[in-house]
Amino acid sequence: MPYLALILFLPWFAILGALFWIYPRQPRTTARRLLDALTLVIAGAGSFAGMQWGYANASVASGAIWKQVLATLIAYGVFLAVMTLAIVVRHRMLRRSQRREFR
């Protein structure tokens, strides 16, 4: 059951990833597509690694469910942290490209 956290959050990760990929709709440059794809791969891999770490290092002193709880929390936290950082980077990248167009 170490993959239960990922199985449960996979639909939510897919929704967040799709929204990240789709919005904003323009501009769609090669650099943006590359950044978006790389972000989704890093977020997924980081979430998986965090889930594994959380499951392996959780204490069962409070009950066996805490392995799943910690794994889920870490997986979700890593995914959101990577996505938030990528949104900031993408916003700066898009703003910089818009400034170049107006010069």
Protein backbone atom coordinates (compact mmCIF):
# COMPACT_ATOMS: atom_id res chain seq x y z
CA MET A 1 0.00 0.00 0.00
CA PRO A 2 2.87 2.50 -0.23
CA TYR A 3 1.40 3.90 -3.48
CA LEU A 4 -2.07 4.60 -2.11
CA ALA A 5 -1.29 8.30 -1.63
CA LEU A 6 -0.32 8.70 -5.26
CA ILE A 7 -3.30 6.71 -6.51
CA LEU A 8 -5.69 8.84 -4.48
CA PHE A 9 -4.19 12.14 -5.59
CA LEU A 10 -3.53 11.26 -9.23
CA PRO A 11 -6.86 12.65 -10.48
CA TRP A 12 -6.32 15.90 -8.58
CA PHE A 13 -2.74 16.17 -9.86
CA ALA A 14 -4.06 15.62 -13.40
CA ILE A 15 -6.62 18.42 -13.00
CA LEU A 16 -4.06 20.85 -11.58
CA GLY A 17 -1.53 19.88 -14.25
CA ALA A 18 -4.06 20.39 -17.04
CA LEU A 19 -5.03 23.81 -15.71
CA PHE A 20 -1.37 24.74 -15.42
CA TRP A 21 -0.76 23.64 -19.01
CA ILE A 22 -3.83 25.38 -20.47
CA TYR A 23 -3.82 28.78 -18.72
CA PRO A 24 -2.91 31.40 -19.74
CA ARG A 25 -3.71 30.48 -23.31
CA GLN A 26 -1.30 32.91 -24.94
CA PRO A 27 1.59 33.26 -25.68
CA ARG A 28 2.49 29.67 -26.52
CA THR A 29 6.21 29.78 -27.19
CA THR A 30 8.56 26.84 -27.33
CA ALA A 31 10.25 28.02 -24.14
CA ARG A 32 6.92 28.08 -22.34
CA ARG A 33 5.97 24.60 -23.52
CA LEU A 34 9.35 23.32 -22.40
CA LEU A 35 9.01 25.00 -19.00
CA ASP A 36 5.49 23.64 -18.54
CA ALA A 37 6.46 20.09 -19.51
CA LEU A 38 9.56 20.15 -17.31
CA THR A 39 7.52 21.51 -14.41
CA LEU A 40 4.95 18.72 -14.66
CA VAL A 41 7.65 16.05 -14.82
CA ILE A 42 9.51 17.51 -11.82
CA ALA A 43 6.27 17.94 -9.84
CA GLY A 44 5.24 14.33 -10.51
CA ALA A 45 8.66 12.87 -9.76
CA GLY A 46 9.10 15.03 -6.67
CA SER A 47 5.68 14.06 -5.42
CA PHE A 48 6.47 10.38 -5.92
CA ALA A 49 9.83 10.72 -4.15
CA GLY A 50 8.26 12.63 -1.27
CA MET A 51 5.54 10.02 -0.96
CA GLN A 52 8.12 7.26 -0.78
CA TRP A 53 10.13 9.12 1.83
CA GLY A 54 7.07 9.88 3.94
CA TYR A 55 5.85 6.30 3.87
CA ALA A 56 9.28 4.93 4.79
CA ASN A 57 9.92 7.37 7.64
CA ALA A 58 6.51 7.68 9.30
CA SER A 59 6.19 6.46 12.84
CA VAL A 60 3.51 3.86 13.45
CA ALA A 61 3.38 4.62 17.18
CA SER A 62 0.07 6.44 16.66
CA GLY A 63 -1.34 3.87 14.29
CA ALA A 64 -0.63 2.36 10.89
CA ILE A 65 -2.75 4.95 9.06
CA TRP A 66 -0.15 7.65 9.73
CA LYS A 67 2.17 6.13 7.14
CA GLN A 68 -0.46 6.93 4.50
CA VAL A 69 -1.29 10.31 5.99
CA LEU A 70 2.32 11.49 6.06
CA ALA A 71 2.99 10.11 2.57
CA THR A 72 -0.07 11.93 1.23
CA LEU A 73 0.78 15.22 2.91
CA ILE A 74 4.34 15.22 1.64
CA ALA A 75 3.34 14.17 -1.88
CA TYR A 76 0.75 16.95 -2.08
CA GLY A 77 3.06 19.53 -0.52
CA VAL A 78 5.90 18.80 -2.93
CA PHE A 79 3.55 18.91 -5.92
CA LEU A 80 2.09 22.26 -4.87
CA ALA A 81 5.50 23.73 -4.03
CA VAL A 82 6.88 22.88 -7.47
CA MET A 83 3.77 24.18 -9.22
CA THR A 84 3.78 27.43 -7.22
CA LEU A 85 7.43 28.07 -8.00
CA ALA A 86 6.79 27.35 -11.68
CA ILE A 87 3.85 29.76 -11.78
CA VAL A 88 6.07 32.53 -10.41
CA VAL A 89 8.84 31.73 -12.90
CA ARG A 90 6.39 31.54 -15.80
CA HIS A 91 4.76 34.83 -14.81
CA ARG A 92 8.13 36.58 -14.80
CA MET A 93 9.05 34.95 -18.11
CA LEU A 94 5.79 36.06 -19.75
CA ARG A 95 6.07 39.57 -18.33
CA ARG A 96 9.63 39.89 -19.64
CA SER A 97 8.57 38.73 -23.11
CA GLN A 98 5.72 41.27 -23.14
CA ARG A 99 8.13 44.08 -22.28
CA ARG A 100 10.31 43.13 -25.26
CA GLU A 101 7.30 43.31 -27.58
CA PHE A 102 6.44 46.84 -26.52
CA ARG A 103 9.92 48.27 -27.08
